[in-house]
Amino acid sequence: MSFSDLNHEIYLIITTEVDKKKASKIAKILLSEKLIPCVSFKNIESYFWWEGNINQSEEVQLMIKCKKENVNKVCNKIAELHSYEIPEIIYFRVSANKNYHHWVNSF
């Protein structure tokens, strides 16, 4: 694989949920509506300011891959379904190899 094979852009959207059940609900809806081809979960520990205090929480991080055309729809759907008052929804452009790029964009 040459470097030129890696210049294919897709989007990565990151959010967290309180537990696997709620993360799975978001993932299944995004997948069933064919807004995304894939999502990965990871258990994480978060520290954050909330209501004037430093808090700690065990969460599930979702790493969602999608094509450019679906970023707004995916982010809006996450906001609609999310259990948090202010959900973390971070997205950015990433490069992928040609075959993975083609697969992500086929949805």
C-alpha atoms as a PDB file:
ATOM      1  CA  MET A   1       0.000   0.000   0.000  1.00  0.00           C
ATOM      2  CA  SER A   2       1.404   3.392  -0.944  1.00  0.00           C
ATOM      3  CA  PHE A   3       0.750   6.676   0.829  1.00  0.00           C
ATOM      4  CA  SER A   4      -1.471   7.799  -2.060  1.00  0.00           C
ATOM      5  CA  ASP A   5      -3.860   4.981  -1.107  1.00  0.00           C
ATOM      6  CA  LEU A   6      -4.509   6.747   2.217  1.00  0.00           C
ATOM      7  CA  ASN A   7      -5.866  10.055   0.917  1.00  0.00           C
ATOM      8  CA  HIS A   8      -9.510   9.039   0.987  1.00  0.00           C
ATOM      9  CA  GLU A   9     -11.536  11.040   3.502  1.00  0.00           C
ATOM     10  CA  ILE A  10     -14.259   9.735   5.783  1.00  0.00           C
ATOM     11  CA  TYR A  11     -15.632  11.141   9.032  1.00  0.00           C
ATOM     12  CA  LEU A  12     -15.204   9.894  12.574  1.00  0.00           C
ATOM     13  CA  ILE A  13     -17.843  10.920  15.109  1.00  0.00           C
ATOM     14  CA  ILE A  14     -17.199  10.387  18.805  1.00  0.00           C
ATOM     15  CA  THR A  15     -19.786  10.427  21.558  1.00  0.00           C
ATOM     16  CA  THR A  16     -20.154   8.844  24.980  1.00  0.00           C
ATOM     17  CA  GLU A  17     -23.121   7.249  26.693  1.00  0.00           C
ATOM     18  CA  VAL A  18     -23.815   6.251  30.264  1.00  0.00           C
ATOM     19  CA  ASP A  19     -23.794   2.477  29.561  1.00  0.00           C
ATOM     20  CA  LYS A  20     -23.618  -0.198  26.874  1.00  0.00           C
ATOM     21  CA  LYS A  21     -27.403  -0.532  26.630  1.00  0.00           C
ATOM     22  CA  LYS A  22     -27.864   3.138  25.707  1.00  0.00           C
ATOM     23  CA  ALA A  23     -24.819   3.112  23.421  1.00  0.00           C
ATOM     24  CA  SER A  24     -26.197   0.032  21.656  1.00  0.00           C
ATOM     25  CA  LYS A  25     -29.576   1.729  21.160  1.00  0.00           C
ATOM     26  CA  ILE A  26     -27.940   4.669  19.372  1.00  0.00           C
ATOM     27  CA  ALA A  27     -25.728   2.352  17.305  1.00  0.00           C
ATOM     28  CA  LYS A  28     -28.605   0.106  16.221  1.00  0.00           C
ATOM     29  CA  ILE A  29     -30.766   3.038  15.122  1.00  0.00           C
ATOM     30  CA  LEU A  30     -27.929   4.664  13.146  1.00  0.00           C
ATOM     31  CA  LEU A  31     -27.169   1.322  11.491  1.00  0.00           C
ATOM     32  CA  SER A  32     -30.810   0.425  10.780  1.00  0.00           C
ATOM     33  CA  GLU A  33     -31.385   3.828   9.156  1.00  0.00           C
ATOM     34  CA  LYS A  34     -28.256   3.198   7.036  1.00  0.00           C
ATOM     35  CA  LEU A  35     -26.671   6.441   8.192  1.00  0.00           C
ATOM     36  CA  ILE A  36     -23.453   4.639   9.123  1.00  0.00           C
ATOM     37  CA  PRO A  37     -21.723   1.395   8.149  1.00  0.00           C
ATOM     38  CA  CYS A  38     -20.015   0.764  11.480  1.00  0.00           C
ATOM     39  CA  VAL A  39     -19.509   1.797  15.106  1.00  0.00           C
ATOM     40  CA  SER A  40     -17.045   0.622  17.765  1.00  0.00           C
ATOM     41  CA  PHE A  41     -17.473   0.745  21.552  1.00  0.00           C
ATOM     42  CA  LYS A  42     -14.876   1.232  24.254  1.00  0.00           C
ATOM     43  CA  ASN A  43     -15.316   1.434  28.038  1.00  0.00           C
ATOM     44  CA  ILE A  44     -13.726   4.614  29.359  1.00  0.00           C
ATOM     45  CA  GLU A  45     -13.385   6.596  32.572  1.00  0.00           C
ATOM     46  CA  SER A  46     -14.162  10.312  32.293  1.00  0.00           C
ATOM     47  CA  TYR A  47     -13.456  13.262  34.573  1.00  0.00           C
ATOM     48  CA  PHE A  48     -15.331  16.496  33.914  1.00  0.00           C
ATOM     49  CA  TRP A  49     -16.778  19.663  35.396  1.00  0.00           C
ATOM     50  CA  TRP A  50     -20.555  19.574  35.893  1.00  0.00           C
ATOM     51  CA  GLU A  51     -22.670  21.980  37.935  1.00  0.00           C
ATOM     52  CA  GLY A  52     -19.637  23.463  39.685  1.00  0.00           C
ATOM     53  CA  ASN A  53     -18.042  20.157  40.699  1.00  0.00           C
ATOM     54  CA  ILE A  54     -15.445  17.800  39.292  1.00  0.00           C
ATOM     55  CA  ASN A  55     -17.163  14.515  38.511  1.00  0.00           C
ATOM     56  CA  GLN A  56     -15.980  11.050  37.529  1.00  0.00           C
ATOM     57  CA  SER A  57     -17.963   8.567  35.489  1.00  0.00           C
ATOM     58  CA  GLU A  58     -17.601   5.207  33.778  1.00  0.00           C
ATOM     59  CA  GLU A  59     -18.925   5.601  30.239  1.00  0.00           C
ATOM     60  CA  VAL A  60     -19.052   3.866  26.887  1.00  0.00           C
ATOM     61  CA  GLN A  61     -17.394   5.720  24.025  1.00  0.00           C
ATOM     62  CA  LEU A  62     -18.836   5.265  20.546  1.00  0.00           C
ATOM     63  CA  MET A  63     -16.518   5.710  17.561  1.00  0.00           C
ATOM     64  CA  ILE A  64     -18.804   6.107  14.579  1.00  0.00           C
ATOM     65  CA  LYS A  65     -17.572   6.070  10.979  1.00  0.00           C
ATOM     66  CA  CYS A  66     -19.570   7.687   8.204  1.00  0.00           C
ATOM     67  CA  LYS A  67     -19.395   9.423   4.856  1.00  0.00           C
ATOM     68  CA  LYS A  68     -19.339  13.209   4.598  1.00  0.00           C
ATOM     69  CA  GLU A  69     -22.910  13.440   3.295  1.00  0.00           C
ATOM     70  CA  ASN A  70     -24.292  11.854   6.487  1.00  0.00           C
ATOM     71  CA  VAL A  71     -22.374  13.775   9.173  1.00  0.00           C
ATOM     72  CA  ASN A  72     -25.170  16.272   9.931  1.00  0.00           C
ATOM     73  CA  LYS A  73     -27.863  13.587   9.939  1.00  0.00           C
ATOM     74  CA  VAL A  74     -25.808  11.376  12.257  1.00  0.00           C
ATOM     75  CA  CYS A  75     -25.008  14.217  14.671  1.00  0.00           C
ATOM     76  CA  ASN A  76     -28.663  15.311  14.764  1.00  0.00           C
ATOM     77  CA  LYS A  77     -29.834  11.752  15.392  1.00  0.00           C
ATOM     78  CA  ILE A  78     -27.310  11.312  18.220  1.00  0.00           C
ATOM     79  CA  ALA A  79     -28.521  14.559  19.830  1.00  0.00           C
ATOM     80  CA  GLU A  80     -32.132  13.388  19.503  1.00  0.00           C
ATOM     81  CA  LEU A  81     -31.501   9.957  21.068  1.00  0.00           C
ATOM     82  CA  HIS A  82     -28.849  10.795  23.660  1.00  0.00           C
ATOM     83  CA  SER A  83     -29.510  10.422  27.387  1.00  0.00           C
ATOM     84  CA  TYR A  84     -27.265  13.351  28.436  1.00  0.00           C
ATOM     85  CA  GLU A  85     -28.466  16.933  28.764  1.00  0.00           C
ATOM     86  CA  ILE A  86     -25.351  18.086  26.873  1.00  0.00           C
ATOM     87  CA  PRO A  87     -24.009  15.151  24.860  1.00  0.00           C
ATOM     88  CA  GLU A  88     -20.451  15.065  23.615  1.00  0.00           C
ATOM     89  CA  ILE A  89     -20.634  15.000  19.827  1.00  0.00           C
ATOM     90  CA  ILE A  90     -17.247  15.494  18.223  1.00  0.00           C
ATOM     91  CA  TYR A  91     -16.581  14.875  14.561  1.00  0.00           C
ATOM     92  CA  PHE A  92     -13.599  15.243  12.302  1.00  0.00           C
ATOM     93  CA  ARG A  93     -12.316  14.279   8.891  1.00  0.00           C
ATOM     94  CA  VAL A  94      -9.891  11.378   8.780  1.00  0.00           C
ATOM     95  CA  SER A  95      -8.040   9.582   6.019  1.00  0.00           C
ATOM     96  CA  ALA A  96      -8.674   5.951   5.258  1.00  0.00           C
ATOM     97  CA  ASN A  97      -7.270   3.421   2.862  1.00  0.00           C
ATOM     98  CA  LYS A  98      -8.997   3.169  -0.514  1.00  0.00           C
ATOM     99  CA  ASN A  99     -10.957  -0.032   0.167  1.00  0.00           C
ATOM    100  CA  TYR A 100     -12.243   1.094   3.567  1.00  0.00           C
ATOM    101  CA  HIS A 101     -13.183   4.491   2.113  1.00  0.00           C
ATOM    102  CA  HIS A 102     -15.135   2.778  -0.644  1.00  0.00           C
ATOM    103  CA  TRP A 103     -16.935   0.554   1.890  1.00  0.00           C
ATOM    104  CA  VAL A 104     -17.876   3.490   4.171  1.00  0.00           C
ATOM    105  CA  ASN A 105     -19.170   5.471   1.203  1.00  0.00           C
ATOM    106  CA  SER A 106     -21.263   2.583  -0.089  1.00  0.00           C
ATOM    107  CA  PHE A 107     -23.891   3.264   2.614  1.00  0.00           C
END
